[in-house]
Amino acid sequence: DSTKETFFANAPYITGCGGLEDIYAVIRGESYTEIAEQCGGIV
């Protein structure tokens, strides 16, 4: 948990590729919302 806190404190950015519905749902704000809110961006 402390490592996660450090990781999220940097507002990390994550990019993917392809068009998978699971990641599009994250980008739309429908899933993994708590994680996505702590990231600088997920695209």
PDB file of all heavy atoms in Angstrom:
ATOM      1  N   ASP A   1       0.818  -1.221   0.000  1.00  0.00           N
ATOM      2  CA  ASP A   1       0.000   0.000   0.000  1.00  0.00           C
ATOM      3  C   ASP A   1       0.849   1.266   0.000  1.00  0.00           C
ATOM      4  O   ASP A   1       0.513   2.257  -0.673  1.00  0.00           O
ATOM      5  CB  ASP A   1      -0.939   0.013   1.212  1.00  0.00           C
ATOM      6  CG  ASP A   1      -2.100  -0.953   1.050  1.00  0.00           C
ATOM      7  OD1 ASP A   1      -2.356  -1.406  -0.084  1.00  0.00           O
ATOM      8  OD2 ASP A   1      -2.762  -1.261   2.067  1.00  0.00           O
ATOM      9  N   SER A   2       1.940   1.254   0.742  1.00  0.00           N
ATOM     10  CA  SER A   2       2.781   2.459   0.785  1.00  0.00           C
ATOM     11  C   SER A   2       3.441   2.706  -0.575  1.00  0.00           C
ATOM     12  O   SER A   2       3.632   3.868  -0.981  1.00  0.00           O
ATOM     13  CB  SER A   2       3.855   2.316   1.873  1.00  0.00           C
ATOM     14  OG  SER A   2       4.726   1.228   1.600  1.00  0.00           O
ATOM     15  N   THR A   3       3.764   1.628  -1.291  1.00  0.00           N
ATOM     16  CA  THR A   3       4.334   1.775  -2.632  1.00  0.00           C
ATOM     17  C   THR A   3       3.297   2.347  -3.587  1.00  0.00           C
ATOM     18  O   THR A   3       3.608   3.207  -4.422  1.00  0.00           O
ATOM     19  CB  THR A   3       4.836   0.412  -3.150  1.00  0.00           C
ATOM     20  OG1 THR A   3       5.807  -0.104  -2.242  1.00  0.00           O
ATOM     21  CG2 THR A   3       5.454   0.555  -4.533  1.00  0.00           C
ATOM     22  N   LYS A   4       2.062   1.878  -3.459  1.00  0.00           N
ATOM     23  CA  LYS A   4       0.989   2.447  -4.281  1.00  0.00           C
ATOM     24  C   LYS A   4       0.819   3.942  -4.008  1.00  0.00           C
ATOM     25  O   LYS A   4       0.634   4.735  -4.945  1.00  0.00           O
ATOM     26  CB  LYS A   4      -0.329   1.722  -4.006  1.00  0.00           C
ATOM     27  CG  LYS A   4      -0.423   0.317  -4.549  1.00  0.00           C
ATOM     28  CD  LYS A   4      -1.804  -0.268  -4.248  1.00  0.00           C
ATOM     29  CE  LYS A   4      -1.909  -1.713  -4.668  1.00  0.00           C
ATOM     30  NZ  LYS A   4      -3.251  -2.282  -4.359  1.00  0.00           N
ATOM     31  N   GLU A   5       0.877   4.317  -2.753  1.00  0.00           N
ATOM     32  CA  GLU A   5       0.729   5.736  -2.405  1.00  0.00           C
ATOM     33  C   GLU A   5       1.813   6.577  -3.067  1.00  0.00           C
ATOM     34  O   GLU A   5       1.550   7.665  -3.599  1.00  0.00           O
ATOM     35  CB  GLU A   5       0.758   5.906  -0.886  1.00  0.00           C
ATOM     36  CG  GLU A   5      -0.466   5.371  -0.174  1.00  0.00           C
ATOM     37  CD  GLU A   5      -0.357   5.502   1.338  1.00  0.00           C
ATOM     38  OE1 GLU A   5       0.603   6.163   1.814  1.00  0.00           O
ATOM     39  OE2 GLU A   5      -1.217   4.943   2.053  1.00  0.00           O
ATOM     40  N   THR A   6       3.034   6.079  -3.026  1.00  0.00           N
ATOM     41  CA  THR A   6       4.147   6.791  -3.669  1.00  0.00           C
ATOM     42  C   THR A   6       3.933   6.874  -5.175  1.00  0.00           C
ATOM     43  O   THR A   6       4.153   7.930  -5.790  1.00  0.00           O
ATOM     44  CB  THR A   6       5.481   6.082  -3.373  1.00  0.00           C
ATOM     45  OG1 THR A   6       5.671   6.012  -1.960  1.00  0.00           O
ATOM     46  CG2 THR A   6       6.640   6.818  -4.009  1.00  0.00           C
ATOM     47  N   PHE A   7       3.503   5.771  -5.743  1.00  0.00           N
ATOM     48  CA  PHE A   7       3.267   5.735  -7.190  1.00  0.00           C
ATOM     49  C   PHE A   7       2.203   6.749  -7.596  1.00  0.00           C
ATOM     50  O   PHE A   7       2.400   7.550  -8.522  1.00  0.00           O
ATOM     51  CB  PHE A   7       2.848   4.320  -7.594  1.00  0.00           C
ATOM     52  CG  PHE A   7       2.569   4.147  -9.069  1.00  0.00           C
ATOM     53  CD1 PHE A   7       3.600   4.120  -9.989  1.00  0.00           C
ATOM     54  CD2 PHE A   7       1.266   4.000  -9.530  1.00  0.00           C
ATOM     55  CE1 PHE A   7       3.342   3.967 -11.351  1.00  0.00           C
ATOM     56  CE2 PHE A   7       0.999   3.844 -10.882  1.00  0.00           C
ATOM     57  CZ  PHE A   7       2.046   3.826 -11.790  1.00  0.00           C
ATOM     58  N   PHE A   8       1.079   6.759  -6.891  1.00  0.00           N
ATOM     59  CA  PHE A   8      -0.007   7.671  -7.245  1.00  0.00           C
ATOM     60  C   PHE A   8       0.317   9.126  -6.922  1.00  0.00           C
ATOM     61  O   PHE A   8      -0.231  10.045  -7.546  1.00  0.00           O
ATOM     62  CB  PHE A   8      -1.299   7.258  -6.545  1.00  0.00           C
ATOM     63  CG  PHE A   8      -1.939   6.022  -7.127  1.00  0.00           C
ATOM     64  CD1 PHE A   8      -2.244   4.940  -6.322  1.00  0.00           C
ATOM     65  CD2 PHE A   8      -2.234   5.944  -8.482  1.00  0.00           C
ATOM     66  CE1 PHE A   8      -2.841   3.801  -6.850  1.00  0.00           C
ATOM     67  CE2 PHE A   8      -2.830   4.807  -9.027  1.00  0.00           C
ATOM     68  CZ  PHE A   8      -3.136   3.738  -8.218  1.00  0.00           C
ATOM     69  N   ALA A   9       1.212   9.344  -5.970  1.00  0.00           N
ATOM     70  CA  ALA A   9       1.594  10.715  -5.627  1.00  0.00           C
ATOM     71  C   ALA A   9       2.227  11.439  -6.798  1.00  0.00           C
ATOM     72  O   ALA A   9       2.190  12.681  -6.879  1.00  0.00           O
ATOM     73  CB  ALA A   9       2.543  10.705  -4.428  1.00  0.00           C
ATOM     74  N   ASN A  10       2.810  10.682  -7.728  1.00  0.00           N
ATOM     75  CA  ASN A  10       3.424  11.274  -8.921  1.00  0.00           C
ATOM     76  C   ASN A  10       2.434  11.540 -10.037  1.00  0.00           C
ATOM     77  O   ASN A  10       2.818  12.032 -11.106  1.00  0.00           O
ATOM     78  CB  ASN A  10       4.521  10.347  -9.456  1.00  0.00           C
ATOM     79  CG  ASN A  10       5.772  10.394  -8.622  1.00  0.00           C
ATOM     80  OD1 ASN A  10       6.129  11.442  -8.096  1.00  0.00           O
ATOM     81  ND2 ASN A  10       6.449   9.260  -8.496  1.00  0.00           N
ATOM     82  N   ALA A  11       1.153  11.200  -9.830  1.00  0.00           N
ATOM     83  CA  ALA A  11       0.131  11.335 -10.874  1.00  0.00           C
ATOM     84  C   ALA A  11       0.620  10.699 -12.180  1.00  0.00           C
ATOM     85  O   ALA A  11       0.842  11.376 -13.181  1.00  0.00           O
ATOM     86  CB  ALA A  11      -0.244  12.801 -11.088  1.00  0.00           C
ATOM     87  N   PRO A  12       0.809   9.379 -12.178  1.00  0.00           N
ATOM     88  CA  PRO A  12       1.411   8.700 -13.333  1.00  0.00           C
ATOM     89  C   PRO A  12       0.524   8.718 -14.573  1.00  0.00           C
ATOM     90  O   PRO A  12      -0.707   8.856 -14.478  1.00  0.00           O
ATOM     91  CB  PRO A  12       1.600   7.266 -12.831  1.00  0.00           C
ATOM     92  CG  PRO A  12       0.531   7.106 -11.797  1.00  0.00           C
ATOM     93  CD  PRO A  12       0.423   8.437 -11.113  1.00  0.00           C
ATOM     94  N   TYR A  13       1.165   8.557 -15.706  1.00  0.00           N
ATOM     95  CA  TYR A  13       0.475   8.486 -17.003  1.00  0.00           C
ATOM     96  C   TYR A  13       0.672   7.102 -17.603  1.00  0.00           C
ATOM     97  O   TYR A  13       1.776   6.546 -17.574  1.00  0.00           O
ATOM     98  CB  TYR A  13       1.019   9.556 -17.950  1.00  0.00           C
ATOM     99  CG  TYR A  13       0.598  10.951 -17.587  1.00  0.00           C
ATOM    100  CD1 TYR A  13       1.281  11.670 -16.599  1.00  0.00           C
ATOM    101  CD2 TYR A  13      -0.483  11.558 -18.203  1.00  0.00           C
ATOM    102  CE1 TYR A  13       0.896  12.953 -16.245  1.00  0.00           C
ATOM    103  CE2 TYR A  13      -0.883  12.844 -17.860  1.00  0.00           C
ATOM    104  CZ  TYR A  13      -0.190  13.533 -16.882  1.00  0.00           C
ATOM    105  OH  TYR A  13      -0.582  14.806 -16.530  1.00  0.00           O
ATOM    106  N   ILE A  14      -0.416   6.555 -18.161  1.00  0.00           N
ATOM    107  CA  ILE A  14      -0.377   5.225 -18.765  1.00  0.00           C
ATOM    108  C   ILE A  14      -1.025   5.296 -20.138  1.00  0.00           C
ATOM    109  O   ILE A  14      -2.144   5.822 -20.285  1.00  0.00           O
ATOM    110  CB  ILE A  14      -1.127   4.189 -17.902  1.00  0.00           C
ATOM    111  CG1 ILE A  14      -0.541   4.127 -16.490  1.00  0.00           C
ATOM    112  CG2 ILE A  14      -1.109   2.815 -18.567  1.00  0.00           C
ATOM    113  CD1 ILE A  14      -1.363   3.314 -15.506  1.00  0.00           C
ATOM    114  N   THR A  15      -0.341   4.791 -21.142  1.00  0.00           N
ATOM    115  CA  THR A  15      -0.941   4.682 -22.472  1.00  0.00           C
ATOM    116  C   THR A  15      -1.080   3.215 -22.850  1.00  0.00           C
ATOM    117  O   THR A  15      -0.262   2.378 -22.476  1.00  0.00           O
ATOM    118  CB  THR A  15      -0.101   5.375 -23.555  1.00  0.00           C
ATOM    119  OG1 THR A  15       1.127   4.649 -23.735  1.00  0.00           O
ATOM    120  CG2 THR A  15       0.207   6.809 -23.199  1.00  0.00           C
ATOM    121  N   GLY A  16      -2.130   2.911 -23.586  1.00  0.00           N
ATOM    122  CA  GLY A  16      -2.342   1.587 -24.157  1.00  0.00           C
ATOM    123  C   GLY A  16      -2.483   1.703 -25.664  1.00  0.00           C
ATOM    124  O   GLY A  16      -2.150   2.726 -26.251  1.00  0.00           O
ATOM    125  N   CYS A  17      -3.021   0.652 -26.267  1.00  0.00           N
ATOM    126  CA  CYS A  17      -3.175   0.661 -27.716  1.00  0.00           C
ATOM    127  C   CYS A  17      -4.118  -0.462 -28.133  1.00  0.00           C
ATOM    128  O   CYS A  17      -4.018  -1.573 -27.600  1.00  0.00           O
ATOM    129  CB  CYS A  17      -1.814   0.471 -28.390  1.00  0.00           C
ATOM    130  SG  CYS A  17      -1.917  -0.001 -30.122  1.00  0.00           S
ATOM    131  N   GLY A  18      -5.010  -0.173 -29.055  1.00  0.00           N
ATOM    132  CA  GLY A  18      -5.796  -1.239 -29.650  1.00  0.00           C
ATOM    133  C   GLY A  18      -7.285  -0.987 -29.749  1.00  0.00           C
ATOM    134  O   GLY A  18      -7.905  -1.284 -30.762  1.00  0.00           O
ATOM    135  N   GLY A  19      -7.923  -0.507 -28.675  1.00  0.00           N
ATOM    136  CA  GLY A  19      -9.363  -0.295 -28.711  1.00  0.00           C
ATOM    137  C   GLY A  19     -10.150  -1.281 -27.866  1.00  0.00           C
ATOM    138  O   GLY A  19     -11.343  -1.496 -28.102  1.00  0.00           O
ATOM    139  N   LEU A  20      -9.514  -1.889 -26.878  1.00  0.00           N
ATOM    140  CA  LEU A  20     -10.169  -2.856 -26.008  1.00  0.00           C
ATOM    141  C   LEU A  20     -11.258  -2.169 -25.190  1.00  0.00           C
ATOM    142  O   LEU A  20     -11.029  -1.122 -24.586  1.00  0.00           O
ATOM    143  CB  LEU A  20      -9.128  -3.485 -25.086  1.00  0.00           C
ATOM    144  CG  LEU A  20      -9.598  -4.595 -24.148  1.00  0.00           C
ATOM    145  CD1 LEU A  20      -9.979  -5.835 -24.935  1.00  0.00           C
ATOM    146  CD2 LEU A  20      -8.494  -4.918 -23.137  1.00  0.00           C
ATOM    147  N   GLU A  21     -12.435  -2.774 -25.137  1.00  0.00           N
ATOM    148  CA  GLU A  21     -13.556  -2.189 -24.400  1.00  0.00           C
ATOM    149  C   GLU A  21     -13.208  -1.971 -22.932  1.00  0.00           C
ATOM    150  O   GLU A  21     -13.611  -0.961 -22.332  1.00  0.00           O
ATOM    151  CB  GLU A  21     -14.793  -3.079 -24.521  1.00  0.00           C
ATOM    152  CG  GLU A  21     -15.948  -2.712 -23.605  1.00  0.00           C
ATOM    153  CD  GLU A  21     -16.459  -1.283 -23.767  1.00  0.00           C
ATOM    154  OE1 GLU A  21     -16.244  -0.675 -24.849  1.00  0.00           O
ATOM    155  OE2 GLU A  21     -17.054  -0.756 -22.807  1.00  0.00           O
ATOM    156  N   ASP A  22     -12.451  -2.874 -22.324  1.00  0.00           N
ATOM    157  CA  ASP A  22     -12.091  -2.713 -20.908  1.00  0.00           C
ATOM    158  C   ASP A  22     -11.368  -1.401 -20.656  1.00  0.00           C
ATOM    159  O   ASP A  22     -11.635  -0.714 -19.665  1.00  0.00           O
ATOM    160  CB  ASP A  22     -11.196  -3.874 -20.462  1.00  0.00           C
ATOM    161  CG  ASP A  22     -11.954  -5.182 -20.300  1.00  0.00           C
ATOM    162  OD1 ASP A  22     -13.190  -5.174 -20.455  1.00  0.00           O
ATOM    163  OD2 ASP A  22     -11.308  -6.209 -20.037  1.00  0.00           O
ATOM    164  N   ILE A  23     -10.438  -1.046 -21.537  1.00  0.00           N
ATOM    165  CA  ILE A  23      -9.691   0.200 -21.319  1.00  0.00           C
ATOM    166  C   ILE A  23     -10.535   1.407 -21.722  1.00  0.00           C
ATOM    167  O   ILE A  23     -10.452   2.473 -21.097  1.00  0.00           O
ATOM    168  CB  ILE A  23      -8.329   0.191 -22.061  1.00  0.00           C
ATOM    169  CG1 ILE A  23      -7.344   1.173 -21.388  1.00  0.00           C
ATOM    170  CG2 ILE A  23      -8.468   0.527 -23.524  1.00  0.00           C
ATOM    171  CD1 ILE A  23      -6.781   0.698 -20.096  1.00  0.00           C
ATOM    172  N   TYR A  24     -11.392   1.255 -22.736  1.00  0.00           N
ATOM    173  CA  TYR A  24     -12.282   2.356 -23.108  1.00  0.00           C
ATOM    174  C   TYR A  24     -13.246   2.667 -21.966  1.00  0.00           C
ATOM    175  O   TYR A  24     -13.600   3.835 -21.732  1.00  0.00           O
ATOM    176  CB  TYR A  24     -13.045   2.027 -24.384  1.00  0.00           C
ATOM    177  CG  TYR A  24     -12.270   2.301 -25.662  1.00  0.00           C
ATOM    178  CD1 TYR A  24     -10.877   2.335 -25.677  1.00  0.00           C
ATOM    179  CD2 TYR A  24     -12.930   2.529 -26.864  1.00  0.00           C
ATOM    180  CE1 TYR A  24     -10.170   2.584 -26.839  1.00  0.00           C
ATOM    181  CE2 TYR A  24     -12.222   2.778 -28.044  1.00  0.00           C
ATOM    182  CZ  TYR A  24     -10.850   2.804 -28.024  1.00  0.00           C
ATOM    183  OH  TYR A  24     -10.160   3.052 -29.183  1.00  0.00           O
ATOM    184  N   ALA A  25     -13.694   1.634 -21.249  1.00  0.00           N
ATOM    185  CA  ALA A  25     -14.565   1.862 -20.095  1.00  0.00           C
ATOM    186  C   ALA A  25     -13.846   2.656 -19.013  1.00  0.00           C
ATOM    187  O   ALA A  25     -14.442   3.515 -18.348  1.00  0.00           O
ATOM    188  CB  ALA A  25     -15.054   0.521 -19.534  1.00  0.00           C
ATOM    189  N   VAL A  26     -12.554   2.386 -18.838  1.00  0.00           N
ATOM    190  CA  VAL A  26     -11.750   3.169 -17.892  1.00  0.00           C
ATOM    191  C   VAL A  26     -11.672   4.621 -18.358  1.00  0.00           C
ATOM    192  O   VAL A  26     -11.873   5.559 -17.568  1.00  0.00           O
ATOM    193  CB  VAL A  26     -10.334   2.577 -17.750  1.00  0.00           C
ATOM    194  CG1 VAL A  26      -9.466   3.466 -16.855  1.00  0.00           C
ATOM    195  CG2 VAL A  26     -10.392   1.159 -17.191  1.00  0.00           C
ATOM    196  N   ILE A  27     -11.401   4.816 -19.638  1.00  0.00           N
ATOM    197  CA  ILE A  27     -11.266   6.172 -20.184  1.00  0.00           C
ATOM    198  C   ILE A  27     -12.593   6.921 -20.082  1.00  0.00           C
ATOM    199  O   ILE A  27     -12.611   8.136 -19.833  1.00  0.00           O
ATOM    200  CB  ILE A  27     -10.774   6.102 -21.645  1.00  0.00           C
ATOM    201  CG1 ILE A  27      -9.350   5.520 -21.691  1.00  0.00           C
ATOM    202  CG2 ILE A  27     -10.802   7.489 -22.298  1.00  0.00           C
ATOM    203  CD1 ILE A  27      -8.864   5.216 -23.097  1.00  0.00           C
ATOM    204  N   ARG A  28     -13.709   6.197 -20.237  1.00  0.00           N
ATOM    205  CA  ARG A  28     -15.028   6.835 -20.116  1.00  0.00           C
ATOM    206  C   ARG A  28     -15.403   7.123 -18.666  1.00  0.00           C
ATOM    207  O   ARG A  28     -16.419   7.769 -18.400  1.00  0.00           O
ATOM    208  CB  ARG A  28     -16.110   5.931 -20.731  1.00  0.00           C
ATOM    209  CG  ARG A  28     -16.053   5.797 -22.239  1.00  0.00           C
ATOM    210  CD  ARG A  28     -17.334   5.179 -22.785  1.00  0.00           C
ATOM    211  NE  ARG A  28     -17.589   3.847 -22.247  1.00  0.00           N
ATOM    212  CZ  ARG A  28     -17.251   2.708 -22.849  1.00  0.00           C
ATOM    213  NH1 ARG A  28     -16.636   2.741 -24.031  1.00  0.00           N
ATOM    214  NH2 ARG A  28     -17.515   1.541 -22.295  1.00  0.00           N
ATOM    215  N   GLY A  29     -14.619   6.632 -17.711  1.00  0.00           N
ATOM    216  CA  GLY A  29     -14.906   6.865 -16.310  1.00  0.00           C
ATOM    217  C   GLY A  29     -15.900   5.891 -15.722  1.00  0.00           C
ATOM    218  O   GLY A  29     -16.558   6.186 -14.714  1.00  0.00           O
ATOM    219  N   GLU A  30     -15.988   4.687 -16.305  1.00  0.00           N
ATOM    220  CA  GLU A  30     -16.979   3.700 -15.871  1.00  0.00           C
ATOM    221  C   GLU A  30     -16.379   2.587 -15.010  1.00  0.00           C
ATOM    222  O   GLU A  30     -17.119   1.844 -14.364  1.00  0.00           O
ATOM    223  CB  GLU A  30     -17.666   3.085 -17.090  1.00  0.00           C
ATOM    224  CG  GLU A  30     -18.433   4.100 -17.928  1.00  0.00           C
ATOM    225  CD  GLU A  30     -18.885   3.547 -19.262  1.00  0.00           C
ATOM    226  OE1 GLU A  30     -18.593   2.369 -19.568  1.00  0.00           O
ATOM    227  OE2 GLU A  30     -19.521   4.302 -20.020  1.00  0.00           O
ATOM    228  N   SER A  31     -15.080   2.431 -15.016  1.00  0.00           N
ATOM    229  CA  SER A  31     -14.449   1.385 -14.210  1.00  0.00           C
ATOM    230  C   SER A  31     -13.061   1.848 -13.765  1.00  0.00           C
ATOM    231  O   SER A  31     -12.499   2.782 -14.340  1.00  0.00           O
ATOM    232  CB  SER A  31     -14.348   0.076 -14.996  1.00  0.00           C
ATOM    233  OG  SER A  31     -13.481   0.216 -16.101  1.00  0.00           O
ATOM    234  N   TYR A  32     -12.546   1.199 -12.738  1.00  0.00           N
ATOM    235  CA  TYR A  32     -11.252   1.570 -12.148  1.00  0.00           C
ATOM    236  C   TYR A  32     -11.196   3.075 -11.860  1.00  0.00           C
ATOM    237  O   TYR A  32     -10.161   3.722 -12.029  1.00  0.00           O
ATOM    238  CB  TYR A  32     -10.100   1.168 -13.067  1.00  0.00           C
ATOM    239  CG  TYR A  32      -9.880  -0.316 -13.170  1.00  0.00           C
ATOM    240  CD1 TYR A  32     -10.583  -1.088 -14.098  1.00  0.00           C
ATOM    241  CD2 TYR A  32      -8.977  -0.981 -12.340  1.00  0.00           C
ATOM    242  CE1 TYR A  32     -10.395  -2.462 -14.195  1.00  0.00           C
ATOM    243  CE2 TYR A  32      -8.780  -2.351 -12.420  1.00  0.00           C
ATOM    244  CZ  TYR A  32      -9.504  -3.085 -13.349  1.00  0.00           C
ATOM    245  OH  TYR A  32      -9.308  -4.447 -13.437  1.00  0.00           O
ATOM    246  N   THR A  33     -12.330   3.603 -11.448  1.00  0.00           N
ATOM    247  CA  THR A  33     -12.434   5.057 -11.295  1.00  0.00           C
ATOM    248  C   THR A  33     -11.494   5.605 -10.225  1.00  0.00           C
ATOM    249  O   THR A  33     -10.892   6.670 -10.397  1.00  0.00           O
ATOM    250  CB  THR A  33     -13.881   5.462 -10.965  1.00  0.00           C
ATOM    251  OG1 THR A  33     -14.334   4.694  -9.834  1.00  0.00           O
ATOM    252  CG2 THR A  33     -14.801   5.198 -12.142  1.00  0.00           C
ATOM    253  N   GLU A  34     -11.353   4.880  -9.102  1.00  0.00           N
ATOM    254  CA  GLU A  34     -10.485   5.373  -8.026  1.00  0.00           C
ATOM    255  C   GLU A  34      -9.035   5.432  -8.490  1.00  0.00           C
ATOM    256  O   GLU A  34      -8.310   6.393  -8.189  1.00  0.00           O
ATOM    257  CB  GLU A  34     -10.615   4.465  -6.795  1.00  0.00           C
ATOM    258  CG  GLU A  34      -9.838   4.976  -5.596  1.00  0.00           C
ATOM    259  CD  GLU A  34     -10.054   4.138  -4.349  1.00  0.00           C
ATOM    260  OE1 GLU A  34     -10.993   3.306  -4.345  1.00  0.00           O
ATOM    261  OE2 GLU A  34      -9.298   4.311  -3.378  1.00  0.00           O
ATOM    262  N   ILE A  35      -8.612   4.425  -9.251  1.00  0.00           N
ATOM    263  CA  ILE A  35      -7.251   4.410  -9.772  1.00  0.00           C
ATOM    264  C   ILE A  35      -7.078   5.505 -10.820  1.00  0.00           C
ATOM    265  O   ILE A  35      -6.100   6.265 -10.799  1.00  0.00           O
ATOM    266  CB  ILE A  35      -6.929   3.029 -10.375  1.00  0.00           C
ATOM    267  CG1 ILE A  35      -6.797   1.997  -9.253  1.00  0.00           C
ATOM    268  CG2 ILE A  35      -5.655   3.077 -11.214  1.00  0.00           C
ATOM    269  CD1 ILE A  35      -6.667   0.574  -9.738  1.00  0.00           C
ATOM    270  N   ALA A  36      -8.037   5.600 -11.749  1.00  0.00           N
ATOM    271  CA  ALA A  36      -7.934   6.586 -12.830  1.00  0.00           C
ATOM    272  C   ALA A  36      -7.885   8.009 -12.301  1.00  0.00           C
ATOM    273  O   ALA A  36      -7.158   8.860 -12.832  1.00  0.00           O
ATOM    274  CB  ALA A  36      -9.100   6.420 -13.798  1.00  0.00           C
ATOM    275  N   GLU A  37      -8.621   8.263 -11.225  1.00  0.00           N
ATOM    276  CA  GLU A  37      -8.649   9.613 -10.646  1.00  0.00           C
ATOM    277  C   GLU A  37      -7.302  10.003 -10.046  1.00  0.00           C
ATOM    278  O   GLU A  37      -6.981  11.192  -9.951  1.00  0.00           O
ATOM    279  CB  GLU A  37      -9.735   9.693  -9.581  1.00  0.00           C
ATOM    280  CG  GLU A  37     -11.146   9.731 -10.154  1.00  0.00           C
ATOM    281  CD  GLU A  37     -12.219   9.563  -9.096  1.00  0.00           C
ATOM    282  OE1 GLU A  37     -11.847   9.385  -7.900  1.00  0.00           O
ATOM    283  OE2 GLU A  37     -13.407   9.605  -9.438  1.00  0.00           O
ATOM    284  N   GLN A  38      -6.508   9.021  -9.661  1.00  0.00           N
ATOM    285  CA  GLN A  38      -5.194   9.303  -9.075  1.00  0.00           C
ATOM    286  C   GLN A  38      -4.080   9.363 -10.119  1.00  0.00           C
ATOM    287  O   GLN A  38      -2.943   9.726  -9.792  1.00  0.00           O
ATOM    288  CB  GLN A  38      -4.855   8.236  -8.029  1.00  0.00           C
ATOM    289  CG  GLN A  38      -5.803   8.213  -6.845  1.00  0.00           C
ATOM    290  CD  GLN A  38      -5.441   7.122  -5.857  1.00  0.00           C
ATOM    291  OE1 GLN A  38      -4.528   7.284  -5.037  1.00  0.00           O
ATOM    292  NE2 GLN A  38      -6.135   6.000  -5.930  1.00  0.00           N
ATOM    293  N   CYS A  39      -4.410   9.001 -11.345  1.00  0.00           N
ATOM    294  CA  CYS A  39      -3.420   9.062 -12.429  1.00  0.00           C
ATOM    295  C   CYS A  39      -3.472  10.417 -13.117  1.00  0.00           C
ATOM    296  O   CYS A  39      -4.519  11.082 -13.143  1.00  0.00           O
ATOM    297  CB  CYS A  39      -3.697   7.958 -13.453  1.00  0.00           C
ATOM    298  SG  CYS A  39      -3.351   6.283 -12.869  1.00  0.00           S
ATOM    299  N   GLY A  40      -2.370  10.813 -13.697  1.00  0.00           N
ATOM    300  CA  GLY A  40      -2.363  12.037 -14.487  1.00  0.00           C
ATOM    301  C   GLY A  40      -3.216  11.872 -15.735  1.00  0.00           C
ATOM    302  O   GLY A  40      -3.883  12.813 -16.180  1.00  0.00           O
ATOM    303  N   GLY A  41      -3.198  10.666 -16.303  1.00  0.00           N
ATOM    304  CA  GLY A  41      -4.002  10.391 -17.481  1.00  0.00           C
ATOM    305  C   GLY A  41      -3.842   8.943 -17.921  1.00  0.00           C
ATOM    306  O   GLY A  41      -2.783   8.342 -17.739  1.00  0.00           O
ATOM    307  N   ILE A  42      -4.910   8.403 -18.462  1.00  0.00           N
ATOM    308  CA  ILE A  42      -4.902   7.073 -19.071  1.00  0.00           C
ATOM    309  C   ILE A  42      -5.532   7.211 -20.453  1.00  0.00           C
ATOM    310  O   ILE A  42      -6.670   7.678 -20.577  1.00  0.00           O
ATOM    311  CB  ILE A  42      -5.688   6.051 -18.229  1.00  0.00           C
ATOM    312  CG1 ILE A  42      -5.075   5.912 -16.834  1.00  0.00           C
ATOM    313  CG2 ILE A  42      -5.731   4.689 -18.937  1.00  0.00           C
ATOM    314  CD1 ILE A  42      -5.900   5.045 -15.885  1.00  0.00           C
ATOM    315  N   VAL A  43      -4.787   6.853 -21.483  1.00  0.00           N
ATOM    316  CA  VAL A  43      -5.297   6.962 -22.851  1.00  0.00           C
ATOM    317  C   VAL A  43      -4.960   5.684 -23.614  1.00  0.00           C
ATOM    318  O   VAL A  43      -4.171   4.847 -23.156  1.00  0.00           O
ATOM    319  CB  VAL A  43      -4.713   8.173 -23.606  1.00  0.00           C
ATOM    320  CG1 VAL A  43      -5.013   9.475 -22.870  1.00  0.00           C
ATOM    321  CG2 VAL A  43      -3.209   8.006 -23.843  1.00  0.00           C
TER     322      VAL A  43
END
